[in-house]
């Protein structure tokens, strides 16, 4: 029998990471956001993200035509890049939300069965 210990922290990190792009789309769906605003929004909802994770995801979402950006002048420093959802991004977010709702319903059902038996 394998004596390998389950790595709970790694499992939690992997679960969060796999949902992060969806969460980024949800945050941006509220309106145009600057990268630091996206980070603040995610951190406020207990989704700890670092810039080194966020920027590659934003780039990938833009490459997938889900996001676009525009440069806006800043009162303090250089112009800033503000992200917004494209039409395709909005449609994708709607589909991901339906998928998430179905998934959470299924998982909640399993949790209730687990709690009933424990």
C-alpha atoms as a PDB file:
ATOM      1  CA  UNK A   1       0.000   0.000   0.000  1.00  0.00           C
ATOM      2  CA  UNK A   2       1.269   3.466  -0.901  1.00  0.00           C
ATOM      3  CA  UNK A   3       2.131   5.590   2.150  1.00  0.00           C
ATOM      4  CA  UNK A   4       1.808   8.835   0.225  1.00  0.00           C
ATOM      5  CA  UNK A   5       0.019  11.508   2.277  1.00  0.00           C
ATOM      6  CA  UNK A   6      -2.727  13.496   0.573  1.00  0.00           C
ATOM      7  CA  UNK A   7      -1.548  17.073   0.044  1.00  0.00           C
ATOM      8  CA  UNK A   8      -4.565  19.131   1.088  1.00  0.00           C
ATOM      9  CA  UNK A   9      -2.941  22.495   0.369  1.00  0.00           C
ATOM     10  CA  UNK A  10      -2.038  21.386  -3.145  1.00  0.00           C
ATOM     11  CA  UNK A  11      -5.571  20.096  -3.728  1.00  0.00           C
ATOM     12  CA  UNK A  12      -7.050  23.407  -2.579  1.00  0.00           C
ATOM     13  CA  UNK A  13      -4.638  25.367  -4.775  1.00  0.00           C
ATOM     14  CA  UNK A  14      -5.475  23.226  -7.811  1.00  0.00           C
ATOM     15  CA  UNK A  15      -9.220  23.651  -7.265  1.00  0.00           C
ATOM     16  CA  UNK A  16      -8.848  27.424  -7.025  1.00  0.00           C
ATOM     17  CA  UNK A  17      -6.544  27.624 -10.007  1.00  0.00           C
ATOM     18  CA  UNK A  18      -8.924  25.660 -12.201  1.00  0.00           C
ATOM     19  CA  UNK A  19     -11.723  28.139 -11.405  1.00  0.00           C
ATOM     20  CA  UNK A  20      -9.647  31.283 -11.608  1.00  0.00           C
ATOM     21  CA  UNK A  21     -10.314  32.137 -15.252  1.00  0.00           C
ATOM     22  CA  UNK A  22     -14.049  31.876 -14.603  1.00  0.00           C
ATOM     23  CA  UNK A  23     -13.676  34.144 -11.564  1.00  0.00           C
ATOM     24  CA  UNK A  24     -11.690  36.670 -13.610  1.00  0.00           C
ATOM     25  CA  UNK A  25     -14.466  36.772 -16.199  1.00  0.00           C
ATOM     26  CA  UNK A  26     -17.034  37.246 -13.418  1.00  0.00           C
ATOM     27  CA  UNK A  27     -15.053  40.149 -11.952  1.00  0.00           C
ATOM     28  CA  UNK A  28     -14.628  41.866 -15.323  1.00  0.00           C
ATOM     29  CA  UNK A  29     -18.327  41.375 -16.141  1.00  0.00           C
ATOM     30  CA  UNK A  30     -19.078  44.173 -13.659  1.00  0.00           C
ATOM     31  CA  UNK A  31     -17.399  46.700 -15.962  1.00  0.00           C
ATOM     32  CA  UNK A  32     -14.002  47.719 -17.238  1.00  0.00           C
ATOM     33  CA  UNK A  33     -11.287  46.876 -14.753  1.00  0.00           C
ATOM     34  CA  UNK A  34      -7.602  47.588 -14.408  1.00  0.00           C
ATOM     35  CA  UNK A  35      -5.439  44.582 -13.475  1.00  0.00           C
ATOM     36  CA  UNK A  36      -4.909  45.760  -9.892  1.00  0.00           C
ATOM     37  CA  UNK A  37      -8.689  46.213  -9.563  1.00  0.00           C
ATOM     38  CA  UNK A  38      -9.167  42.612 -10.712  1.00  0.00           C
ATOM     39  CA  UNK A  39      -6.645  41.459  -8.101  1.00  0.00           C
ATOM     40  CA  UNK A  40      -8.414  43.474  -5.396  1.00  0.00           C
ATOM     41  CA  UNK A  41     -11.803  42.095  -6.383  1.00  0.00           C
ATOM     42  CA  UNK A  42     -10.570  38.505  -6.281  1.00  0.00           C
ATOM     43  CA  UNK A  43      -8.722  38.988  -2.997  1.00  0.00           C
ATOM     44  CA  UNK A  44     -11.820  40.589  -1.446  1.00  0.00           C
ATOM     45  CA  UNK A  45     -13.652  37.363  -2.251  1.00  0.00           C
ATOM     46  CA  UNK A  46     -10.917  35.239  -0.676  1.00  0.00           C
ATOM     47  CA  UNK A  47      -9.382  34.176  -3.989  1.00  0.00           C
ATOM     48  CA  UNK A  48      -5.740  34.946  -3.380  1.00  0.00           C
ATOM     49  CA  UNK A  49      -4.048  35.688  -6.679  1.00  0.00           C
ATOM     50  CA  UNK A  50      -0.645  37.124  -7.487  1.00  0.00           C
ATOM     51  CA  UNK A  51       0.230  39.304 -10.458  1.00  0.00           C
ATOM     52  CA  UNK A  52       2.421  36.554 -11.891  1.00  0.00           C
ATOM     53  CA  UNK A  53      -0.688  34.365 -12.188  1.00  0.00           C
ATOM     54  CA  UNK A  54      -3.119  37.048 -13.311  1.00  0.00           C
ATOM     55  CA  UNK A  55      -1.272  38.500 -16.303  1.00  0.00           C
ATOM     56  CA  UNK A  56      -0.782  35.209 -18.190  1.00  0.00           C
ATOM     57  CA  UNK A  57      -4.469  34.413 -17.656  1.00  0.00           C
ATOM     58  CA  UNK A  58      -5.537  37.832 -18.933  1.00  0.00           C
ATOM     59  CA  UNK A  59      -3.322  37.329 -21.961  1.00  0.00           C
ATOM     60  CA  UNK A  60      -4.799  33.871 -22.622  1.00  0.00           C
ATOM     61  CA  UNK A  61      -8.358  35.155 -22.237  1.00  0.00           C
ATOM     62  CA  UNK A  62      -7.574  37.946 -24.694  1.00  0.00           C
ATOM     63  CA  UNK A  63      -6.020  35.469 -27.146  1.00  0.00           C
ATOM     64  CA  UNK A  64      -9.205  33.410 -26.876  1.00  0.00           C
ATOM     65  CA  UNK A  65     -11.189  36.556 -27.826  1.00  0.00           C
ATOM     66  CA  UNK A  66     -12.989  36.622 -24.480  1.00  0.00           C
ATOM     67  CA  UNK A  67     -11.435  39.922 -23.363  1.00  0.00           C
ATOM     68  CA  UNK A  68     -10.339  43.135 -24.979  1.00  0.00           C
ATOM     69  CA  UNK A  69      -8.642  46.144 -23.474  1.00  0.00           C
ATOM     70  CA  UNK A  70      -8.159  49.828 -23.956  1.00  0.00           C
ATOM     71  CA  UNK A  71      -5.544  52.219 -22.669  1.00  0.00           C
ATOM     72  CA  UNK A  72      -6.726  55.049 -20.443  1.00  0.00           C
ATOM     73  CA  UNK A  73      -4.806  57.961 -19.018  1.00  0.00           C
ATOM     74  CA  UNK A  74      -4.009  57.777 -15.338  1.00  0.00           C
ATOM     75  CA  UNK A  75      -3.895  60.687 -12.900  1.00  0.00           C
ATOM     76  CA  UNK A  76      -0.897  59.055 -11.229  1.00  0.00           C
ATOM     77  CA  UNK A  77       1.591  57.666 -13.702  1.00  0.00           C
ATOM     78  CA  UNK A  78       1.491  56.116 -17.164  1.00  0.00           C
ATOM     79  CA  UNK A  79      -1.679  55.077 -19.029  1.00  0.00           C
ATOM     80  CA  UNK A  80      -3.396  51.942 -17.737  1.00  0.00           C
ATOM     81  CA  UNK A  81      -4.801  48.953 -19.558  1.00  0.00           C
ATOM     82  CA  UNK A  82      -8.481  48.378 -18.753  1.00  0.00           C
ATOM     83  CA  UNK A  83     -10.062  45.014 -19.560  1.00  0.00           C
ATOM     84  CA  UNK A  84     -13.655  44.316 -20.599  1.00  0.00           C
ATOM     85  CA  UNK A  85     -15.560  41.302 -21.870  1.00  0.00           C
ATOM     86  CA  UNK A  86     -16.135  40.869 -25.585  1.00  0.00           C
ATOM     87  CA  UNK A  87     -19.445  39.565 -26.922  1.00  0.00           C
ATOM     88  CA  UNK A  88     -17.842  36.120 -27.044  1.00  0.00           C
ATOM     89  CA  UNK A  89     -16.641  36.616 -23.464  1.00  0.00           C
ATOM     90  CA  UNK A  90     -20.192  37.393 -22.315  1.00  0.00           C
ATOM     91  CA  UNK A  91     -21.566  34.299 -24.071  1.00  0.00           C
ATOM     92  CA  UNK A  92     -18.789  32.147 -22.616  1.00  0.00           C
ATOM     93  CA  UNK A  93     -19.442  33.538 -19.140  1.00  0.00           C
ATOM     94  CA  UNK A  94     -23.139  32.669 -19.448  1.00  0.00           C
ATOM     95  CA  UNK A  95     -22.265  29.089 -20.423  1.00  0.00           C
ATOM     96  CA  UNK A  96     -19.667  28.760 -17.659  1.00  0.00           C
ATOM     97  CA  UNK A  97     -22.203  30.055 -15.142  1.00  0.00           C
ATOM     98  CA  UNK A  98     -24.758  27.439 -16.205  1.00  0.00           C
ATOM     99  CA  UNK A  99     -22.075  24.753 -15.973  1.00  0.00           C
ATOM    100  CA  UNK A 100     -21.028  26.005 -12.530  1.00  0.00           C
ATOM    101  CA  UNK A 101     -24.629  25.987 -11.288  1.00  0.00           C
ATOM    102  CA  UNK A 102     -25.149  22.413 -12.498  1.00  0.00           C
ATOM    103  CA  UNK A 103     -21.862  21.302 -10.969  1.00  0.00           C
ATOM    104  CA  UNK A 104     -22.480  22.932  -7.596  1.00  0.00           C
ATOM    105  CA  UNK A 105     -25.959  21.421  -7.474  1.00  0.00           C
ATOM    106  CA  UNK A 106     -24.476  17.954  -8.020  1.00  0.00           C
ATOM    107  CA  UNK A 107     -21.688  18.487  -5.502  1.00  0.00           C
ATOM    108  CA  UNK A 108     -24.088  19.887  -2.892  1.00  0.00           C
ATOM    109  CA  UNK A 109     -26.233  16.784  -3.326  1.00  0.00           C
ATOM    110  CA  UNK A 110     -23.205  14.578  -2.680  1.00  0.00           C
ATOM    111  CA  UNK A 111     -22.220  16.660   0.353  1.00  0.00           C
ATOM    112  CA  UNK A 112     -25.697  16.262   1.847  1.00  0.00           C
ATOM    113  CA  UNK A 113     -25.436  12.475   1.427  1.00  0.00           C
ATOM    114  CA  UNK A 114     -21.988  12.526   3.010  1.00  0.00           C
ATOM    115  CA  UNK A 115     -23.190  14.612   5.977  1.00  0.00           C
ATOM    116  CA  UNK A 116     -26.200  12.354   6.446  1.00  0.00           C
ATOM    117  CA  UNK A 117     -23.934   9.307   6.736  1.00  0.00           C
ATOM    118  CA  UNK A 118     -21.346  10.908   9.021  1.00  0.00           C
END
